[in-house]
Amino acid sequence: MSLTITVKDKLARRLRAQAAARRLSVQQWALTILANASQSPEDADAWIELNNRRTALIRKRCEAGLSETEEQELARLQAAAAALLEPYDRRRLEHVRSLIHDADAAATP
């Protein structure tokens, strides 16, 4: 499917700079961003790509530091990861609470 969008100059400049930093075309970078925005836990390919980018940025931050643009990108990716994983985290927390409750009940004479 072909789709054309018009963006404001400031956003276009930001997209160009981000794409250049990744050695991608603006179109490829825009598709990545759109995939990120529309991702769901069922979309494993998009999640894998974004998570790989997130971990690469974390490594780079530890080894050499990040540019301001990369820090902003990492912050967005971290927020997306947290939002994506929060429902799973809640379920795990509930499971741990039930284990603690069971352990306390078993320890009480």
Protein backbone atom coordinates (compact mmCIF):
# COMPACT_ATOMS: atom_id res chain seq x y z
CA MET A 1 0.00 0.00 0.00
CA SER A 2 1.26 3.45 -0.84
CA LEU A 3 0.63 6.32 1.57
CA THR A 4 1.76 9.93 1.45
CA ILE A 5 1.87 12.17 4.51
CA THR A 6 2.88 15.79 4.94
CA VAL A 7 4.81 16.84 8.03
CA LYS A 8 5.89 20.23 9.32
CA ASP A 9 9.42 21.42 8.54
CA LYS A 10 10.65 21.01 12.11
CA LEU A 11 9.51 17.38 12.22
CA ALA A 12 10.96 16.73 8.76
CA ARG A 13 14.36 18.05 9.89
CA ARG A 14 14.24 15.90 13.03
CA LEU A 15 13.29 12.79 11.01
CA ARG A 16 16.10 13.45 8.51
CA ALA A 17 18.66 13.84 11.29
CA GLN A 18 17.48 10.71 13.09
CA ALA A 19 17.48 8.71 9.86
CA ALA A 20 20.96 9.91 8.94
CA ALA A 21 22.27 8.97 12.39
CA ARG A 22 21.02 5.43 11.75
CA ARG A 23 22.19 5.36 8.15
CA LEU A 24 18.60 4.84 7.00
CA SER A 25 16.47 6.62 4.48
CA VAL A 26 13.83 8.93 5.93
CA GLN A 27 11.21 6.55 4.55
CA GLN A 28 12.76 3.54 6.31
CA TRP A 29 13.01 5.47 9.58
CA ALA A 30 9.41 6.69 9.29
CA LEU A 31 8.26 3.11 8.74
CA THR A 32 10.16 2.03 11.85
CA ILE A 33 8.54 4.80 13.87
CA LEU A 34 5.10 3.90 12.56
CA ALA A 35 5.70 0.25 13.38
CA ASN A 36 6.71 1.31 16.89
CA ALA A 37 3.58 3.40 17.30
CA SER A 38 1.34 0.58 16.14
CA GLN A 39 3.16 -2.24 17.87
CA SER A 40 1.40 -4.72 20.06
CA PRO A 41 2.69 -7.74 22.00
CA GLU A 42 1.51 -9.92 19.11
CA ASP A 43 3.77 -8.06 16.66
CA ALA A 44 6.96 -9.90 17.53
CA ASP A 45 9.01 -8.65 14.58
CA ALA A 46 8.44 -4.99 15.41
CA TRP A 47 9.14 -5.60 19.09
CA ILE A 48 12.36 -7.48 18.33
CA GLU A 49 13.63 -4.68 16.07
CA LEU A 50 12.77 -1.96 18.57
CA ASN A 51 14.15 -3.89 21.53
CA ASN A 52 17.38 -4.56 19.63
CA ARG A 53 17.70 -0.83 18.99
CA ARG A 54 16.93 -0.12 22.67
CA THR A 55 19.60 -2.52 23.91
CA ALA A 56 22.13 -1.17 21.37
CA LEU A 57 21.52 2.33 22.70
CA ILE A 58 21.93 1.12 26.30
CA ARG A 59 25.25 -0.51 25.41
CA LYS A 60 26.42 2.59 23.57
CA ARG A 61 25.43 4.76 26.54
CA CYS A 62 27.62 2.64 28.83
CA GLU A 63 30.56 2.45 26.43
CA ALA A 64 30.76 5.83 24.75
CA GLY A 65 27.77 7.93 25.74
CA LEU A 66 24.80 9.04 23.67
CA SER A 67 23.98 12.19 21.78
CA GLU A 68 20.98 14.19 22.94
CA THR A 69 18.94 12.77 20.05
CA GLU A 70 19.90 9.23 21.02
CA GLU A 71 19.05 9.90 24.68
CA GLN A 72 15.61 11.07 23.59
CA GLU A 73 15.17 8.03 21.37
CA LEU A 74 16.23 5.73 24.21
CA ALA A 75 13.77 7.42 26.57
CA ARG A 76 10.95 6.81 24.07
CA LEU A 77 11.98 3.21 23.56
CA GLN A 78 12.25 2.64 27.32
CA ALA A 79 8.77 4.08 27.81
CA ALA A 80 7.41 1.88 25.01
CA ALA A 81 9.05 -1.19 26.55
CA ALA A 82 7.64 -0.36 29.97
CA ALA A 83 4.15 0.15 28.56
CA LEU A 84 4.36 -3.07 26.58
CA LEU A 85 5.61 -5.16 29.48
CA GLU A 86 3.54 -3.63 32.29
CA PRO A 87 0.61 -6.07 31.96
CA TYR A 88 3.04 -9.00 32.17
CA ASP A 89 4.80 -7.42 35.13
CA ARG A 90 1.47 -6.99 36.93
CA ARG A 91 0.64 -10.67 36.41
CA ARG A 92 4.06 -11.73 37.66
CA LEU A 93 3.69 -9.51 40.71
CA GLU A 94 0.32 -11.05 41.50
CA HIS A 95 1.84 -14.51 41.15
CA VAL A 96 4.70 -13.59 43.51
CA ARG A 97 2.19 -12.21 46.00
CA SER A 98 0.26 -15.48 45.89
CA LEU A 99 3.48 -17.44 46.46
CA ILE A 100 4.35 -15.24 49.43
CA HIS A 101 0.86 -15.73 50.82
CA ASP A 102 1.14 -19.51 50.40
CA ALA A 103 4.60 -19.54 52.00
CA ASP A 104 3.33 -17.48 54.94
CA ALA A 105 0.35 -19.80 55.36
CA ALA A 106 2.59 -22.87 55.27
CA ALA A 107 4.98 -21.34 57.84
CA THR A 108 2.19 -20.45 60.25
CA PRO A 109 1.41 -23.32 62.67
